[in-house]
Amino acid sequence: MENRRKAALVKLLKDENEMVRKSAAKALGDLEKKPNLERLIKALKNKDKFTRVRAIYALGKIGEEGALAPLVSALNDPEVEVRSAAVRALGEIADPGILSNLMERLDDENLTIRVLTVEALGNFLDKRVTDFLIAHLNEKNLELLESVIGALGKIGDKKVEKPLLILLAHPEPRIRSRAALALGNLED
């Protein structure tokens, strides 16, 4: 059945009407993505964690809605490398529908996952993330605190001005530096 569709669409690539040719080309591209998407989703069940990581990055590049649920599911993989890849891929896609799934990763036992999650949340450029991240400005881990400050600066919500000004007096120079940079990115 799919071969008949492809053959019919290939014929339309020579149609006299440009709109028809463009539609046929898009439909052919959509048909080509489907088997790849299914193959990549299947690869997420592979025992080899590096196969799963490669599948996650490929799904992230596809970025279609069909790729989101498997990527969100990969956030719960037992392997840190797989969870890291899923956080990065979802951060690049930055679909508002998965925001809460990413926010949950800030409770991950692994520091790297938490840092990557904060960086991914900064990619959303979504003011709803601001309040969530402000609550993490009292973080004791300096690496995570730096990431929180960086993400807040990237989002640029003026609401973080006061807490960032307070952080300019932090005893750690790298925190003061990150706070200064974040202040420069805030909206007027």
N, C-alpha and C. Protein backbone atom coordinates (compact mmCIF):
# COMPACT_ATOMS: atom_id res chain seq x y z
N MET A 1 0.83 -1.19 0.00
CA MET A 1 0.00 0.00 0.00
C MET A 1 0.87 1.25 0.00
N GLU A 2 1.92 1.27 0.85
CA GLU A 2 2.78 2.44 0.91
C GLU A 2 3.50 2.66 -0.42
N ASN A 3 3.86 1.57 -1.11
CA ASN A 3 4.52 1.70 -2.40
C ASN A 3 3.62 2.37 -3.43
N ARG A 4 2.32 2.06 -3.37
CA ARG A 4 1.38 2.72 -4.29
C ARG A 4 1.32 4.22 -4.01
N ARG A 5 1.29 4.56 -2.72
CA ARG A 5 1.27 5.98 -2.35
C ARG A 5 2.52 6.68 -2.86
N LYS A 6 3.68 6.05 -2.64
CA LYS A 6 4.94 6.65 -3.08
C LYS A 6 4.94 6.84 -4.59
N ALA A 7 4.52 5.83 -5.32
CA ALA A 7 4.52 5.90 -6.78
C ALA A 7 3.61 7.04 -7.26
N ALA A 8 2.44 7.15 -6.63
CA ALA A 8 1.51 8.22 -7.02
C ALA A 8 2.09 9.59 -6.70
N LEU A 9 2.75 9.71 -5.56
CA LEU A 9 3.34 10.99 -5.16
C LEU A 9 4.53 11.35 -6.05
N VAL A 10 5.32 10.37 -6.43
CA VAL A 10 6.47 10.63 -7.32
C VAL A 10 5.96 11.19 -8.65
N LYS A 11 4.86 10.64 -9.16
CA LYS A 11 4.28 11.17 -10.41
C LYS A 11 3.88 12.64 -10.26
N LEU A 12 3.37 12.98 -9.07
CA LEU A 12 2.93 14.35 -8.84
C LEU A 12 4.10 15.33 -8.77
N LEU A 13 5.30 14.84 -8.57
CA LEU A 13 6.47 15.72 -8.55
C LEU A 13 6.68 16.40 -9.91
N LYS A 14 6.04 15.86 -10.95
CA LYS A 14 6.15 16.43 -12.30
C LYS A 14 4.89 17.18 -12.72
N ASP A 15 3.99 17.38 -11.76
CA ASP A 15 2.75 18.09 -12.04
C ASP A 15 3.05 19.51 -12.52
N GLU A 16 2.18 20.03 -13.33
CA GLU A 16 2.40 21.38 -13.87
C GLU A 16 2.22 22.47 -12.80
N ASN A 17 1.47 22.16 -11.75
CA ASN A 17 1.21 23.13 -10.71
C ASN A 17 2.26 23.03 -9.60
N GLU A 18 2.87 24.17 -9.28
CA GLU A 18 3.93 24.20 -8.27
C GLU A 18 3.43 23.79 -6.89
N MET A 19 2.23 24.21 -6.51
CA MET A 19 1.68 23.87 -5.21
C MET A 19 1.51 22.34 -5.08
N VAL A 20 1.07 21.71 -6.12
CA VAL A 20 0.89 20.25 -6.12
C VAL A 20 2.26 19.58 -5.98
N ARG A 21 3.25 20.07 -6.73
CA ARG A 21 4.60 19.49 -6.64
C ARG A 21 5.16 19.62 -5.22
N LYS A 22 4.98 20.79 -4.60
CA LYS A 22 5.47 20.99 -3.23
C LYS A 22 4.76 20.08 -2.24
N SER A 23 3.46 19.94 -2.41
CA SER A 23 2.70 19.06 -1.51
C SER A 23 3.15 17.61 -1.66
N ALA A 24 3.38 17.19 -2.89
CA ALA A 24 3.84 15.82 -3.13
C ALA A 24 5.22 15.60 -2.50
N ALA A 25 6.10 16.58 -2.62
CA ALA A 25 7.44 16.46 -2.04
C ALA A 25 7.36 16.37 -0.52
N LYS A 26 6.50 17.18 0.08
CA LYS A 26 6.34 17.13 1.54
C LYS A 26 5.78 15.79 1.97
N ALA A 27 4.77 15.30 1.26
CA ALA A 27 4.16 14.02 1.60
C ALA A 27 5.17 12.88 1.48
N LEU A 28 6.02 12.92 0.48
CA LEU A 28 7.06 11.90 0.34
C LEU A 28 8.03 11.96 1.52
N GLY A 29 8.38 13.16 1.91
CA GLY A 29 9.26 13.31 3.07
C GLY A 29 8.63 12.76 4.34
N ASP A 30 7.33 13.01 4.50
CA ASP A 30 6.62 12.50 5.68
C ASP A 30 6.58 10.97 5.67
N LEU A 31 6.38 10.39 4.50
CA LEU A 31 6.38 8.93 4.40
C LEU A 31 7.74 8.33 4.74
N GLU A 32 8.79 9.02 4.36
CA GLU A 32 10.15 8.53 4.64
C GLU A 32 10.46 8.59 6.13
N LYS A 33 9.91 9.55 6.83
CA LYS A 33 10.20 9.70 8.27
C LYS A 33 9.57 8.60 9.09
N LYS A 34 8.38 8.11 8.68
CA LYS A 34 7.65 7.15 9.50
C LYS A 34 8.45 5.89 9.82
N PRO A 35 9.07 5.23 8.84
CA PRO A 35 9.83 4.02 9.19
C PRO A 35 11.02 4.35 10.10
N ASN A 36 11.66 5.49 9.89
CA ASN A 36 12.78 5.88 10.73
C ASN A 36 12.33 6.10 12.17
N LEU A 37 11.21 6.77 12.33
CA LEU A 37 10.69 7.03 13.66
C LEU A 37 10.40 5.72 14.38
N GLU A 38 9.74 4.80 13.69
CA GLU A 38 9.42 3.51 14.30
C GLU A 38 10.69 2.73 14.64
N ARG A 39 11.68 2.77 13.77
CA ARG A 39 12.95 2.06 14.00
C ARG A 39 13.67 2.65 15.21
N LEU A 40 13.67 3.97 15.31
CA LEU A 40 14.35 4.63 16.43
C LEU A 40 13.64 4.37 17.76
N ILE A 41 12.33 4.36 17.74
CA ILE A 41 11.57 4.06 18.95
C ILE A 41 11.87 2.64 19.41
N LYS A 42 11.96 1.74 18.46
CA LYS A 42 12.30 0.35 18.78
C LYS A 42 13.71 0.26 19.37
N ALA A 43 14.63 1.07 18.87
CA ALA A 43 16.02 1.07 19.36
C ALA A 43 16.11 1.51 20.81
N LEU A 44 15.13 2.25 21.29
CA LEU A 44 15.13 2.68 22.70
C LEU A 44 14.97 1.51 23.66
N LYS A 45 14.56 0.36 23.14
CA LYS A 45 14.40 -0.82 23.99
C LYS A 45 15.63 -1.73 23.94
N ASN A 46 16.64 -1.34 23.17
CA ASN A 46 17.86 -2.12 23.04
C ASN A 46 18.59 -2.19 24.38
N LYS A 47 19.23 -3.32 24.64
CA LYS A 47 19.96 -3.49 25.90
C LYS A 47 21.20 -2.62 25.96
N ASP A 48 21.76 -2.28 24.80
CA ASP A 48 22.98 -1.48 24.75
C ASP A 48 22.64 -0.01 24.97
N LYS A 49 23.20 0.56 26.03
CA LYS A 49 22.85 1.95 26.37
C LYS A 49 23.30 2.92 25.29
N PHE A 50 24.39 2.62 24.60
CA PHE A 50 24.87 3.55 23.56
C PHE A 50 23.98 3.53 22.33
N THR A 51 23.35 2.39 22.05
CA THR A 51 22.36 2.32 20.98
C THR A 51 21.17 3.19 21.36
N ARG A 52 20.76 3.12 22.62
CA ARG A 52 19.64 3.95 23.08
C ARG A 52 19.99 5.43 23.00
N VAL A 53 21.22 5.78 23.38
CA VAL A 53 21.66 7.18 23.33
C VAL A 53 21.62 7.68 21.89
N ARG A 54 22.15 6.89 20.95
CA ARG A 54 22.13 7.31 19.53
C ARG A 54 20.70 7.49 19.03
N ALA A 55 19.82 6.57 19.44
CA ALA A 55 18.42 6.68 19.04
C ALA A 55 17.78 7.96 19.59
N ILE A 56 18.13 8.29 20.82
CA ILE A 56 17.58 9.51 21.44
C ILE A 56 18.01 10.75 20.67
N TYR A 57 19.30 10.84 20.34
CA TYR A 57 19.76 12.02 19.60
C TYR A 57 19.11 12.10 18.22
N ALA A 58 18.93 10.95 17.58
CA ALA A 58 18.26 10.95 16.27
C ALA A 58 16.80 11.37 16.40
N LEU A 59 16.12 10.86 17.43
CA LEU A 59 14.73 11.28 17.66
C LEU A 59 14.66 12.77 17.95
N GLY A 60 15.63 13.28 18.68
CA GLY A 60 15.67 14.71 18.96
C GLY A 60 15.81 15.55 17.70
N LYS A 61 16.59 15.04 16.74
CA LYS A 61 16.74 15.77 15.47
C LYS A 61 15.46 15.74 14.66
N ILE A 62 14.73 14.62 14.74
CA ILE A 62 13.45 14.55 14.04
C ILE A 62 12.50 15.56 14.67
N GLY A 63 12.46 15.57 16.00
CA GLY A 63 11.72 16.58 16.74
C GLY A 63 10.22 16.59 16.54
N GLU A 64 9.68 15.58 15.90
CA GLU A 64 8.23 15.53 15.68
C GLU A 64 7.50 15.16 16.95
N GLU A 65 6.21 15.39 16.94
CA GLU A 65 5.40 15.07 18.10
C GLU A 65 5.49 13.58 18.42
N GLY A 66 5.60 12.74 17.41
CA GLY A 66 5.70 11.29 17.62
C GLY A 66 6.96 10.90 18.36
N ALA A 67 7.96 11.77 18.37
CA ALA A 67 9.22 11.48 19.05
C ALA A 67 9.19 11.91 20.51
N LEU A 68 8.26 12.77 20.87
CA LEU A 68 8.26 13.33 22.23
C LEU A 68 7.99 12.28 23.31
N ALA A 69 6.96 11.47 23.14
CA ALA A 69 6.61 10.49 24.18
C ALA A 69 7.75 9.50 24.43
N PRO A 70 8.40 8.96 23.40
CA PRO A 70 9.53 8.07 23.67
C PRO A 70 10.70 8.79 24.35
N LEU A 71 10.91 10.05 24.01
CA LEU A 71 11.99 10.81 24.65
C LEU A 71 11.67 11.06 26.12
N VAL A 72 10.43 11.40 26.40
CA VAL A 72 10.01 11.62 27.78
C VAL A 72 10.16 10.31 28.57
N SER A 73 9.81 9.21 27.95
CA SER A 73 9.96 7.91 28.60
C SER A 73 11.42 7.62 28.93
N ALA A 74 12.32 8.04 28.04
CA ALA A 74 13.75 7.81 28.25
C ALA A 74 14.30 8.59 29.44
N LEU A 75 13.57 9.59 29.91
CA LEU A 75 14.00 10.33 31.11
C LEU A 75 14.07 9.42 32.34
N ASN A 76 13.40 8.29 32.27
CA ASN A 76 13.36 7.36 33.41
C ASN A 76 14.26 6.15 33.21
N ASP A 77 15.09 6.18 32.20
CA ASP A 77 16.00 5.06 31.94
C ASP A 77 16.95 4.89 33.13
N PRO A 78 17.32 3.67 33.46
CA PRO A 78 18.23 3.48 34.60
C PRO A 78 19.66 3.99 34.35
N GLU A 79 20.04 4.15 33.08
CA GLU A 79 21.40 4.59 32.74
C GLU A 79 21.48 6.11 32.68
N VAL A 80 22.47 6.67 33.36
CA VAL A 80 22.67 8.12 33.39
C VAL A 80 22.89 8.68 31.99
N GLU A 81 23.67 7.98 31.18
CA GLU A 81 23.96 8.47 29.82
C GLU A 81 22.69 8.60 29.00
N VAL A 82 21.78 7.67 29.17
CA VAL A 82 20.53 7.69 28.42
C VAL A 82 19.65 8.84 28.91
N ARG A 83 19.55 8.99 30.23
CA ARG A 83 18.75 10.10 30.78
C ARG A 83 19.34 11.44 30.35
N SER A 84 20.67 11.54 30.37
CA SER A 84 21.34 12.79 29.94
C SER A 84 21.00 13.13 28.50
N ALA A 85 21.07 12.13 27.64
CA ALA A 85 20.75 12.36 26.23
C ALA A 85 19.30 12.80 26.06
N ALA A 86 18.40 12.18 26.82
CA ALA A 86 16.98 12.54 26.73
C ALA A 86 16.75 13.98 27.19
N VAL A 87 17.40 14.37 28.27
CA VAL A 87 17.26 15.75 28.77
C VAL A 87 17.77 16.73 27.71
N ARG A 88 18.93 16.44 27.14
CA ARG A 88 19.49 17.33 26.12
C ARG A 88 18.56 17.44 24.91
N ALA A 89 18.09 16.28 24.42
CA ALA A 89 17.22 16.27 23.23
C ALA A 89 15.93 17.05 23.49
N LEU A 90 15.32 16.82 24.64
CA LEU A 90 14.07 17.52 24.95
C LEU A 90 14.31 19.01 25.16
N GLY A 91 15.46 19.36 25.70
CA GLY A 91 15.81 20.77 25.85
C GLY A 91 15.98 21.46 24.52
N GLU A 92 16.51 20.74 23.54
CA GLU A 92 16.66 21.31 22.20
C GLU A 92 15.31 21.49 21.52
N ILE A 93 14.43 20.53 21.72
CA ILE A 93 13.09 20.61 21.12
C ILE A 93 12.28 21.71 21.79
N ALA A 94 12.39 21.80 23.13
CA ALA A 94 11.74 22.83 23.93
C ALA A 94 10.23 22.93 23.67
N ASP A 95 9.58 21.79 23.63
CA ASP A 95 8.13 21.76 23.46
C ASP A 95 7.47 22.03 24.82
N PRO A 96 6.62 23.06 24.93
CA PRO A 96 6.01 23.40 26.22
C PRO A 96 5.24 22.24 26.84
N GLY A 97 4.79 21.31 26.04
CA GLY A 97 4.02 20.18 26.56
C GLY A 97 4.82 19.23 27.44
N ILE A 98 6.14 19.28 27.37
CA ILE A 98 6.97 18.37 28.17
C ILE A 98 7.69 19.09 29.30
N LEU A 99 7.33 20.32 29.52
CA LEU A 99 7.99 21.13 30.55
C LEU A 99 7.94 20.47 31.92
N SER A 100 6.78 20.00 32.33
CA SER A 100 6.66 19.39 33.67
C SER A 100 7.48 18.11 33.77
N ASN A 101 7.58 17.35 32.66
CA ASN A 101 8.40 16.14 32.67
C ASN A 101 9.87 16.47 32.92
N LEU A 102 10.32 17.55 32.31
CA LEU A 102 11.71 17.97 32.52
C LEU A 102 11.92 18.49 33.94
N MET A 103 10.98 19.27 34.42
CA MET A 103 11.10 19.84 35.77
C MET A 103 11.27 18.74 36.81
N GLU A 104 10.62 17.61 36.60
CA GLU A 104 10.72 16.48 37.53
C GLU A 104 12.15 15.95 37.62
N ARG A 105 12.93 16.14 36.57
CA ARG A 105 14.30 15.62 36.56
C ARG A 105 15.21 16.39 37.52
N LEU A 106 14.76 17.51 38.04
CA LEU A 106 15.56 18.22 39.03
C LEU A 106 15.63 17.46 40.35
N ASP A 107 14.83 16.41 40.46
CA ASP A 107 14.88 15.54 41.63
C ASP A 107 15.75 14.31 41.38
N ASP A 108 16.37 14.22 40.21
CA ASP A 108 17.22 13.07 39.89
C ASP A 108 18.36 12.98 40.90
N GLU A 109 18.75 11.76 41.23
CA GLU A 109 19.84 11.58 42.20
C GLU A 109 21.19 11.97 41.62
N ASN A 110 21.28 12.07 40.28
CA ASN A 110 22.55 12.36 39.63
C ASN A 110 22.70 13.87 39.37
N LEU A 111 23.80 14.44 39.84
CA LEU A 111 24.04 15.88 39.69
C LEU A 111 24.09 16.29 38.22
N THR A 112 24.73 15.50 37.39
CA THR A 112 24.83 15.83 35.96
C THR A 112 23.45 15.98 35.34
N ILE A 113 22.55 15.08 35.69
CA ILE A 113 21.18 15.15 35.16
C ILE A 113 20.51 16.44 35.63
N ARG A 114 20.71 16.79 36.88
CA ARG A 114 20.09 18.01 37.41
C ARG A 114 20.64 19.25 36.70
N VAL A 115 21.95 19.29 36.49
CA VAL A 115 22.57 20.43 35.81
C VAL A 115 22.06 20.52 34.37
N LEU A 116 22.05 19.39 33.67
CA LEU A 116 21.55 19.38 32.28
C LEU A 116 20.08 19.78 32.21
N THR A 117 19.33 19.38 33.22
CA THR A 117 17.90 19.74 33.26
C THR A 117 17.74 21.25 33.37
N VAL A 118 18.49 21.86 34.25
CA VAL A 118 18.40 23.32 34.40
C VAL A 118 18.77 24.00 33.09
N GLU A 119 19.85 23.54 32.45
CA GLU A 119 20.25 24.12 31.17
C GLU A 119 19.16 23.94 30.12
N ALA A 120 18.54 22.76 30.10
CA ALA A 120 17.45 22.50 29.15
C ALA A 120 16.26 23.42 29.42
N LEU A 121 15.94 23.63 30.69
CA LEU A 121 14.82 24.51 31.03
C LEU A 121 15.09 25.94 30.56
N GLY A 122 16.33 26.36 30.59
CA GLY A 122 16.68 27.69 30.08
C GLY A 122 16.42 27.83 28.60
N ASN A 123 16.44 26.73 27.86
CA ASN A 123 16.15 26.77 26.42
C ASN A 123 14.69 27.07 26.12
N PHE A 124 13.83 26.89 27.09
CA PHE A 124 12.40 27.12 26.85
C PHE A 124 12.08 28.60 26.73
N LEU A 125 12.91 29.44 27.29
CA LEU A 125 12.66 30.89 27.27
C LEU A 125 11.21 31.17 27.65
N ASP A 126 10.77 30.48 28.67
CA ASP A 126 9.38 30.52 29.10
C ASP A 126 9.33 31.10 30.51
N LYS A 127 8.58 32.15 30.67
CA LYS A 127 8.50 32.83 31.96
C LYS A 127 7.95 31.93 33.07
N ARG A 128 7.19 30.89 32.69
CA ARG A 128 6.66 29.97 33.71
C ARG A 128 7.79 29.23 34.42
N VAL A 129 8.91 29.09 33.76
CA VAL A 129 10.06 28.39 34.33
C VAL A 129 10.74 29.26 35.39
N THR A 130 10.57 30.57 35.26
CA THR A 130 11.26 31.50 36.14
C THR A 130 11.00 31.21 37.62
N ASP A 131 9.73 31.13 38.02
CA ASP A 131 9.40 30.89 39.43
C ASP A 131 9.97 29.56 39.90
N PHE A 132 9.90 28.57 39.04
CA PHE A 132 10.42 27.25 39.38
C PHE A 132 11.92 27.33 39.66
N LEU A 133 12.65 28.05 38.82
CA LEU A 133 14.10 28.14 39.00
C LEU A 133 14.49 29.08 40.15
N ILE A 134 13.70 30.13 40.37
CA ILE A 134 14.00 31.04 41.49
C ILE A 134 14.04 30.25 42.79
N ALA A 135 13.18 29.27 42.92
CA ALA A 135 13.14 28.44 44.13
C ALA A 135 14.45 27.66 44.32
N HIS A 136 15.24 27.56 43.28
CA HIS A 136 16.51 26.81 43.35
C HIS A 136 17.72 27.73 43.50
N LEU A 137 17.49 29.00 43.74
CA LEU A 137 18.62 29.93 43.91
C LEU A 137 19.30 29.79 45.28
N ASN A 138 18.74 28.97 46.14
CA ASN A 138 19.39 28.71 47.43
C ASN A 138 20.16 27.39 47.39
N GLU A 139 20.37 26.88 46.20
CA GLU A 139 21.09 25.62 46.00
C GLU A 139 22.49 25.69 46.60
N LYS A 140 22.87 24.65 47.32
CA LYS A 140 24.20 24.60 47.95
C LYS A 140 25.28 24.13 46.98
N ASN A 141 24.89 23.29 46.01
CA ASN A 141 25.87 22.81 45.04
C ASN A 141 26.17 23.95 44.05
N LEU A 142 27.41 24.36 43.99
CA LEU A 142 27.78 25.53 43.18
C LEU A 142 27.59 25.31 41.69
N GLU A 143 27.87 24.10 41.22
CA GLU A 143 27.69 23.82 39.79
C GLU A 143 26.22 23.96 39.40
N LEU A 144 25.35 23.42 40.22
CA LEU A 144 23.93 23.52 39.95
C LEU A 144 23.45 24.96 40.09
N LEU A 145 23.93 25.66 41.09
CA LEU A 145 23.56 27.07 41.28
C LEU A 145 23.99 27.90 40.07
N GLU A 146 25.19 27.66 39.57
CA GLU A 146 25.65 28.37 38.37
C GLU A 146 24.70 28.13 37.21
N SER A 147 24.26 26.89 37.04
CA SER A 147 23.35 26.56 35.94
C SER A 147 22.00 27.25 36.11
N VAL A 148 21.51 27.28 37.34
CA VAL A 148 20.23 27.95 37.61
C VAL A 148 20.34 29.43 37.25
N ILE A 149 21.42 30.07 37.68
CA ILE A 149 21.61 31.49 37.38
C ILE A 149 21.71 31.71 35.87
N GLY A 150 22.47 30.85 35.19
CA GLY A 150 22.60 30.96 33.74
C GLY A 150 21.28 30.81 33.02
N ALA A 151 20.48 29.82 33.45
CA ALA A 151 19.17 29.60 32.82
C ALA A 151 18.25 30.81 33.05
N LEU A 152 18.27 31.35 34.27
CA LEU A 152 17.43 32.52 34.55
C LEU A 152 17.88 33.71 33.71
N GLY A 153 19.17 33.88 33.53
CA GLY A 153 19.67 34.96 32.68
C GLY A 153 19.24 34.76 31.24
N LYS A 154 19.26 33.52 30.78
CA LYS A 154 18.86 33.21 29.40
C LYS A 154 17.37 33.51 29.18
N ILE A 155 16.56 33.16 30.17
CA ILE A 155 15.12 33.43 30.07
C ILE A 155 14.88 34.94 30.07
N GLY A 156 15.64 35.65 30.89
CA GLY A 156 15.62 37.11 30.84
C GLY A 156 14.49 37.81 31.55
N ASP A 157 13.74 37.11 32.38
CA ASP A 157 12.61 37.71 33.09
C ASP A 157 13.11 38.69 34.14
N LYS A 158 12.64 39.91 34.07
CA LYS A 158 13.07 40.98 34.99
C LYS A 158 12.78 40.63 36.45
N LYS A 159 11.86 39.73 36.68
CA LYS A 159 11.47 39.33 38.03
C LYS A 159 12.65 38.76 38.83
N VAL A 160 13.71 38.31 38.16
CA VAL A 160 14.85 37.72 38.88
C VAL A 160 15.91 38.76 39.25
N GLU A 161 15.67 40.01 38.91
CA GLU A 161 16.67 41.05 39.17
C GLU A 161 17.07 41.10 40.64
N LYS A 162 16.09 41.15 41.54
CA LYS A 162 16.40 41.29 42.96
C LYS A 162 17.22 40.10 43.49
N PRO A 163 16.81 38.85 43.22
CA PRO A 163 17.63 37.73 43.71
C PRO A 163 19.03 37.70 43.09
N LEU A 164 19.14 38.13 41.84
CA LEU A 164 20.47 38.16 41.21
C LEU A 164 21.35 39.24 41.83
N LEU A 165 20.75 40.37 42.17
CA LEU A 165 21.51 41.43 42.83
C LEU A 165 22.05 40.95 44.18
N ILE A 166 21.25 40.16 44.88
CA ILE A 166 21.70 39.60 46.15
C ILE A 166 22.88 38.65 45.92
N LEU A 167 22.83 37.88 44.84
CA LEU A 167 23.90 36.93 44.55
C LEU A 167 25.22 37.61 44.17
N LEU A 168 25.17 38.89 43.86
CA LEU A 168 26.41 39.62 43.57
C LEU A 168 27.31 39.71 44.80
N ALA A 169 26.75 39.43 45.97
CA ALA A 169 27.52 39.44 47.21
C ALA A 169 27.88 38.03 47.68
N HIS A 170 27.64 37.04 46.83
CA HIS A 170 27.93 35.64 47.19
C HIS A 170 29.43 35.48 47.46
N PRO A 171 29.82 34.65 48.41
CA PRO A 171 31.25 34.48 48.72
C PRO A 171 32.06 33.83 47.59
N GLU A 172 31.41 33.12 46.70
CA GLU A 172 32.09 32.41 45.62
C GLU A 172 32.17 33.30 44.38
N PRO A 173 33.38 33.60 43.89
CA PRO A 173 33.53 34.47 42.72
C PRO A 173 32.79 33.99 41.48
N ARG A 174 32.78 32.68 41.25
CA ARG A 174 32.11 32.18 40.03
C ARG A 174 30.61 32.42 40.08
N ILE A 175 30.03 32.45 41.27
CA ILE A 175 28.60 32.74 41.41
C ILE A 175 28.34 34.22 41.17
N ARG A 176 29.20 35.06 41.75
CA ARG A 176 29.06 36.51 41.51
C ARG A 176 29.20 36.81 40.02
N SER A 177 30.16 36.17 39.37
CA SER A 177 30.38 36.38 37.94
C SER A 177 29.17 35.96 37.12
N ARG A 178 28.62 34.79 37.42
CA ARG A 178 27.46 34.28 36.68
C ARG A 178 26.25 35.19 36.91
N ALA A 179 26.08 35.68 38.14
CA ALA A 179 24.97 36.58 38.45
C ALA A 179 25.11 37.90 37.67
N ALA A 180 26.35 38.40 37.58
CA ALA A 180 26.58 39.64 36.83
C ALA A 180 26.22 39.45 35.35
N LEU A 181 26.63 38.32 34.78
CA LEU A 181 26.30 38.05 33.39
C LEU A 181 24.79 37.92 33.17
N ALA A 182 24.14 37.24 34.11
CA ALA A 182 22.68 37.07 34.01
C ALA A 182 21.95 38.40 34.09
N LEU A 183 22.42 39.29 34.96
CA LEU A 183 21.79 40.62 35.07
C LEU A 183 21.85 41.37 33.74
N GLY A 184 22.93 41.18 33.00
CA GLY A 184 23.05 41.84 31.71
C GLY A 184 22.08 41.34 30.66
N ASN A 185 21.50 40.17 30.90
CA ASN A 185 20.56 39.59 29.91
C ASN A 185 19.09 39.85 30.22
N LEU A 186 18.81 40.51 31.33
CA LEU A 186 17.41 40.71 31.71
C LEU A 186 16.73 41.75 30.84
N GLU A 187 15.41 41.57 30.71
CA GLU A 187 14.61 42.54 29.95
C GLU A 187 14.64 43.89 30.65
N ASP A 188 14.37 44.94 29.89
CA ASP A 188 14.25 46.27 30.49
C ASP A 188 12.89 46.49 31.06
